[in-house]
Amino acid sequence: MTEPSEGRGHRAARDTRKQVLLRLDPAVHEALRRWAADELRSTNAQLDYLIRRALREAGRLPSGARPPARRGRPPAAGAEGEAPDAPERDGE
């Protein structure tokens, strides 16, 4: 008998980023927004960066944690004949 977790639907749920409702003091939110803008990040990306850094410094970042999302827009599918997640090649 197969486990329900082996189905395609479970993988999609596991691969989805989790949503969290966060209530912040308006002054803290504004400071975070300005800091994110200074770093050329969205407020969400800045929070992700800060939480990951805090977890890493505390030795609590799980080894299975995926790397943070790459900055900028994802490449268009099929751009220049490469898959969207294909690594860039030097000298070609």
N, C-alpha and C. Protein backbone atom coordinates (compact mmCIF):
# COMPACT_ATOMS: atom_id res chain seq x y z
N MET A 1 0.85 -1.18 0.00
CA MET A 1 0.00 0.00 0.00
C MET A 1 0.89 1.24 0.00
N THR A 2 0.55 2.19 -0.82
CA THR A 2 1.38 3.41 -0.88
C THR A 2 0.89 4.44 0.11
N GLU A 3 1.82 5.25 0.57
CA GLU A 3 1.50 6.34 1.50
C GLU A 3 0.85 7.48 0.73
N PRO A 4 -0.13 8.16 1.30
CA PRO A 4 -0.72 9.32 0.63
C PRO A 4 0.30 10.42 0.38
N SER A 5 1.35 10.47 1.18
CA SER A 5 2.36 11.51 1.02
C SER A 5 3.19 11.33 -0.25
N GLU A 6 3.07 10.17 -0.90
CA GLU A 6 3.84 9.94 -2.11
C GLU A 6 3.17 10.53 -3.35
N GLY A 7 1.95 11.00 -3.22
CA GLY A 7 1.22 11.55 -4.36
C GLY A 7 1.75 12.90 -4.79
N ARG A 8 1.36 13.27 -6.00
CA ARG A 8 1.82 14.54 -6.57
C ARG A 8 1.33 15.74 -5.77
N GLY A 9 0.12 15.67 -5.23
CA GLY A 9 -0.45 16.78 -4.47
C GLY A 9 0.36 17.09 -3.22
N HIS A 10 0.89 16.06 -2.57
CA HIS A 10 1.68 16.30 -1.35
C HIS A 10 2.97 17.03 -1.69
N ARG A 11 3.60 16.67 -2.79
CA ARG A 11 4.85 17.34 -3.17
C ARG A 11 4.59 18.82 -3.44
N ALA A 12 3.51 19.12 -4.14
CA ALA A 12 3.19 20.52 -4.42
C ALA A 12 2.98 21.28 -3.13
N ALA A 13 2.31 20.67 -2.15
CA ALA A 13 2.09 21.33 -0.87
C ALA A 13 3.41 21.52 -0.13
N ARG A 14 4.31 20.55 -0.21
CA ARG A 14 5.59 20.65 0.48
C ARG A 14 6.47 21.71 -0.16
N ASP A 15 6.38 21.87 -1.48
CA ASP A 15 7.23 22.81 -2.20
C ASP A 15 6.72 24.25 -2.11
N THR A 16 5.51 24.45 -1.64
CA THR A 16 4.93 25.78 -1.56
C THR A 16 5.49 26.51 -0.35
N ARG A 17 5.82 27.77 -0.54
CA ARG A 17 6.28 28.57 0.58
C ARG A 17 5.12 28.81 1.53
N LYS A 18 5.40 28.84 2.81
CA LYS A 18 4.37 29.02 3.83
C LYS A 18 4.03 30.49 3.99
N GLN A 19 2.77 30.76 4.23
CA GLN A 19 2.31 32.12 4.48
C GLN A 19 2.15 32.31 5.98
N VAL A 20 2.56 33.49 6.47
CA VAL A 20 2.48 33.80 7.89
C VAL A 20 1.88 35.19 8.04
N LEU A 21 0.91 35.32 8.91
CA LEU A 21 0.36 36.62 9.23
C LEU A 21 1.22 37.22 10.34
N LEU A 22 1.73 38.40 10.13
CA LEU A 22 2.62 39.05 11.10
C LEU A 22 2.09 40.43 11.41
N ARG A 23 1.88 40.72 12.68
CA ARG A 23 1.43 42.04 13.08
C ARG A 23 2.63 42.80 13.63
N LEU A 24 2.88 43.98 13.07
CA LEU A 24 4.03 44.79 13.48
C LEU A 24 3.57 46.17 13.90
N ASP A 25 4.31 46.75 14.81
CA ASP A 25 4.12 48.15 15.16
C ASP A 25 4.38 48.96 13.89
N PRO A 26 3.58 49.97 13.59
CA PRO A 26 3.78 50.75 12.36
C PRO A 26 5.19 51.34 12.23
N ALA A 27 5.78 51.77 13.32
CA ALA A 27 7.13 52.33 13.26
C ALA A 27 8.15 51.25 12.91
N VAL A 28 7.96 50.05 13.45
CA VAL A 28 8.86 48.93 13.14
C VAL A 28 8.69 48.55 11.67
N HIS A 29 7.46 48.51 11.20
CA HIS A 29 7.21 48.18 9.80
C HIS A 29 7.86 49.20 8.87
N GLU A 30 7.75 50.47 9.20
CA GLU A 30 8.36 51.51 8.37
C GLU A 30 9.88 51.39 8.36
N ALA A 31 10.47 51.10 9.52
CA ALA A 31 11.92 50.92 9.58
C ALA A 31 12.34 49.71 8.74
N LEU A 32 11.58 48.63 8.82
CA LEU A 32 11.86 47.43 8.02
C LEU A 32 11.71 47.73 6.54
N ARG A 33 10.66 48.46 6.17
CA ARG A 33 10.44 48.82 4.77
C ARG A 33 11.60 49.65 4.22
N ARG A 34 12.08 50.62 5.00
CA ARG A 34 13.21 51.45 4.56
C ARG A 34 14.49 50.62 4.43
N TRP A 35 14.73 49.74 5.41
CA TRP A 35 15.91 48.88 5.37
C TRP A 35 15.86 47.99 4.14
N ALA A 36 14.71 47.39 3.87
CA ALA A 36 14.55 46.54 2.69
C ALA A 36 14.82 47.34 1.42
N ALA A 37 14.30 48.55 1.35
CA ALA A 37 14.52 49.39 0.16
C ALA A 37 16.01 49.70 0.00
N ASP A 38 16.70 49.97 1.10
CA ASP A 38 18.14 50.24 1.04
C ASP A 38 18.91 49.04 0.49
N GLU A 39 18.43 47.84 0.78
CA GLU A 39 19.08 46.59 0.34
C GLU A 39 18.54 46.09 -1.00
N LEU A 40 17.65 46.88 -1.61
CA LEU A 40 17.00 46.52 -2.87
C LEU A 40 16.24 45.20 -2.77
N ARG A 41 15.54 45.02 -1.64
CA ARG A 41 14.72 43.84 -1.41
C ARG A 41 13.30 44.28 -1.12
N SER A 42 12.37 43.37 -1.30
CA SER A 42 11.00 43.61 -0.84
C SER A 42 11.01 43.43 0.68
N THR A 43 9.96 43.92 1.32
CA THR A 43 9.85 43.74 2.77
C THR A 43 9.82 42.25 3.10
N ASN A 44 9.10 41.46 2.31
CA ASN A 44 9.03 40.03 2.54
C ASN A 44 10.41 39.37 2.41
N ALA A 45 11.15 39.73 1.38
CA ALA A 45 12.49 39.16 1.19
C ALA A 45 13.43 39.58 2.32
N GLN A 46 13.28 40.80 2.82
CA GLN A 46 14.11 41.25 3.93
C GLN A 46 13.81 40.44 5.19
N LEU A 47 12.53 40.21 5.46
CA LEU A 47 12.17 39.38 6.61
C LEU A 47 12.73 37.97 6.47
N ASP A 48 12.60 37.38 5.29
CA ASP A 48 13.14 36.04 5.04
C ASP A 48 14.65 36.03 5.29
N TYR A 49 15.35 37.04 4.79
CA TYR A 49 16.80 37.14 4.97
C TYR A 49 17.16 37.24 6.46
N LEU A 50 16.47 38.11 7.18
CA LEU A 50 16.77 38.32 8.60
C LEU A 50 16.47 37.08 9.44
N ILE A 51 15.37 36.42 9.15
CA ILE A 51 15.02 35.21 9.90
C ILE A 51 16.03 34.10 9.63
N ARG A 52 16.41 33.92 8.37
CA ARG A 52 17.42 32.90 8.04
C ARG A 52 18.76 33.21 8.72
N ARG A 53 19.14 34.48 8.71
CA ARG A 53 20.41 34.87 9.34
C ARG A 53 20.37 34.58 10.84
N ALA A 54 19.26 34.94 11.49
CA ALA A 54 19.11 34.68 12.93
C ALA A 54 19.15 33.18 13.22
N LEU A 55 18.46 32.39 12.41
CA LEU A 55 18.48 30.94 12.60
C LEU A 55 19.88 30.36 12.41
N ARG A 56 20.59 30.83 11.38
CA ARG A 56 21.94 30.35 11.12
C ARG A 56 22.87 30.71 12.28
N GLU A 57 22.80 31.96 12.76
CA GLU A 57 23.67 32.40 13.85
C GLU A 57 23.38 31.65 15.14
N ALA A 58 22.13 31.24 15.34
CA ALA A 58 21.76 30.49 16.54
C ALA A 58 21.99 28.99 16.38
N GLY A 59 22.47 28.58 15.19
CA GLY A 59 22.68 27.16 14.93
C GLY A 59 21.38 26.39 14.79
N ARG A 60 20.32 27.05 14.38
CA ARG A 60 19.01 26.42 14.29
C ARG A 60 18.45 26.35 12.88
N LEU A 61 19.21 26.76 11.88
CA LEU A 61 18.74 26.68 10.50
C LEU A 61 18.76 25.22 10.08
N PRO A 62 17.62 24.64 9.71
CA PRO A 62 17.60 23.22 9.33
C PRO A 62 18.48 22.96 8.12
N SER A 63 19.16 21.82 8.14
CA SER A 63 20.05 21.49 7.02
C SER A 63 19.26 21.29 5.73
N GLY A 64 18.00 20.94 5.83
CA GLY A 64 17.18 20.71 4.64
C GLY A 64 16.48 21.96 4.14
N ALA A 65 16.77 23.12 4.74
CA ALA A 65 16.11 24.36 4.31
C ALA A 65 16.56 24.69 2.90
N ARG A 66 15.59 25.05 2.07
CA ARG A 66 15.92 25.43 0.70
C ARG A 66 16.62 26.78 0.70
N PRO A 67 17.43 27.03 -0.30
CA PRO A 67 18.07 28.35 -0.38
C PRO A 67 17.01 29.42 -0.61
N PRO A 68 17.31 30.64 -0.22
CA PRO A 68 16.33 31.71 -0.45
C PRO A 68 16.04 31.88 -1.93
N ALA A 69 14.88 32.42 -2.22
CA ALA A 69 14.51 32.68 -3.61
C ALA A 69 15.51 33.65 -4.22
N ARG A 70 15.80 33.46 -5.50
CA ARG A 70 16.74 34.35 -6.19
C ARG A 70 16.12 35.71 -6.38
N ARG A 71 16.95 36.73 -6.41
CA ARG A 71 16.47 38.09 -6.61
C ARG A 71 16.05 38.30 -8.05
N GLY A 72 15.11 39.20 -8.24
CA GLY A 72 14.67 39.57 -9.58
C GLY A 72 13.63 38.63 -10.13
N ARG A 73 13.23 38.90 -11.34
CA ARG A 73 12.23 38.07 -12.00
C ARG A 73 12.85 36.78 -12.50
N PRO A 74 12.08 35.70 -12.45
CA PRO A 74 12.61 34.46 -13.02
C PRO A 74 12.73 34.62 -14.53
N PRO A 75 13.68 33.94 -15.15
CA PRO A 75 13.83 34.04 -16.61
C PRO A 75 12.59 33.47 -17.30
N ALA A 76 12.30 33.99 -18.47
CA ALA A 76 11.17 33.50 -19.25
C ALA A 76 11.44 32.06 -19.67
N ALA A 77 10.42 31.25 -19.67
CA ALA A 77 10.58 29.85 -20.08
C ALA A 77 11.07 29.79 -21.52
N GLY A 78 12.11 29.02 -21.74
CA GLY A 78 12.63 28.84 -23.09
C GLY A 78 13.46 30.00 -23.60
N ALA A 79 13.83 30.93 -22.75
CA ALA A 79 14.64 32.07 -23.19
C ALA A 79 16.00 31.56 -23.65
N GLU A 80 16.39 31.94 -24.82
CA GLU A 80 17.68 31.57 -25.42
C GLU A 80 17.89 30.07 -25.44
N GLY A 81 16.79 29.31 -25.54
CA GLY A 81 16.90 27.87 -25.69
C GLY A 81 17.27 27.11 -24.43
N GLU A 82 17.31 27.77 -23.27
CA GLU A 82 17.64 27.07 -22.04
C GLU A 82 16.42 26.96 -21.15
N ALA A 83 16.44 25.97 -20.29
CA ALA A 83 15.37 25.82 -19.31
C ALA A 83 15.45 26.98 -18.32
N PRO A 84 14.32 27.36 -17.70
CA PRO A 84 14.32 28.50 -16.80
C PRO A 84 15.30 28.39 -15.64
N ASP A 85 15.58 27.17 -15.15
CA ASP A 85 16.48 27.03 -14.01
C ASP A 85 17.87 26.53 -14.41
N ALA A 86 18.21 26.62 -15.68
CA ALA A 86 19.54 26.19 -16.12
C ALA A 86 20.58 27.20 -15.66
N PRO A 87 21.73 26.72 -15.17
CA PRO A 87 22.77 27.66 -14.73
C PRO A 87 23.36 28.42 -15.91
N GLU A 88 23.80 29.64 -15.62
CA GLU A 88 24.44 30.43 -16.67
C GLU A 88 25.82 29.86 -16.94
N ARG A 89 26.27 30.00 -18.17
CA ARG A 89 27.59 29.47 -18.54
C ARG A 89 28.50 30.61 -18.92
N ASP A 90 29.70 30.58 -18.40
CA ASP A 90 30.69 31.61 -18.73
C ASP A 90 31.32 31.33 -20.08
N GLY A 91 31.55 32.38 -20.85
CA GLY A 91 32.27 32.25 -22.10
C GLY A 91 31.47 31.70 -23.25
N GLU A 92 30.16 31.55 -23.11
CA GLU A 92 29.36 31.03 -24.23
C GLU A 92 28.42 32.09 -24.71
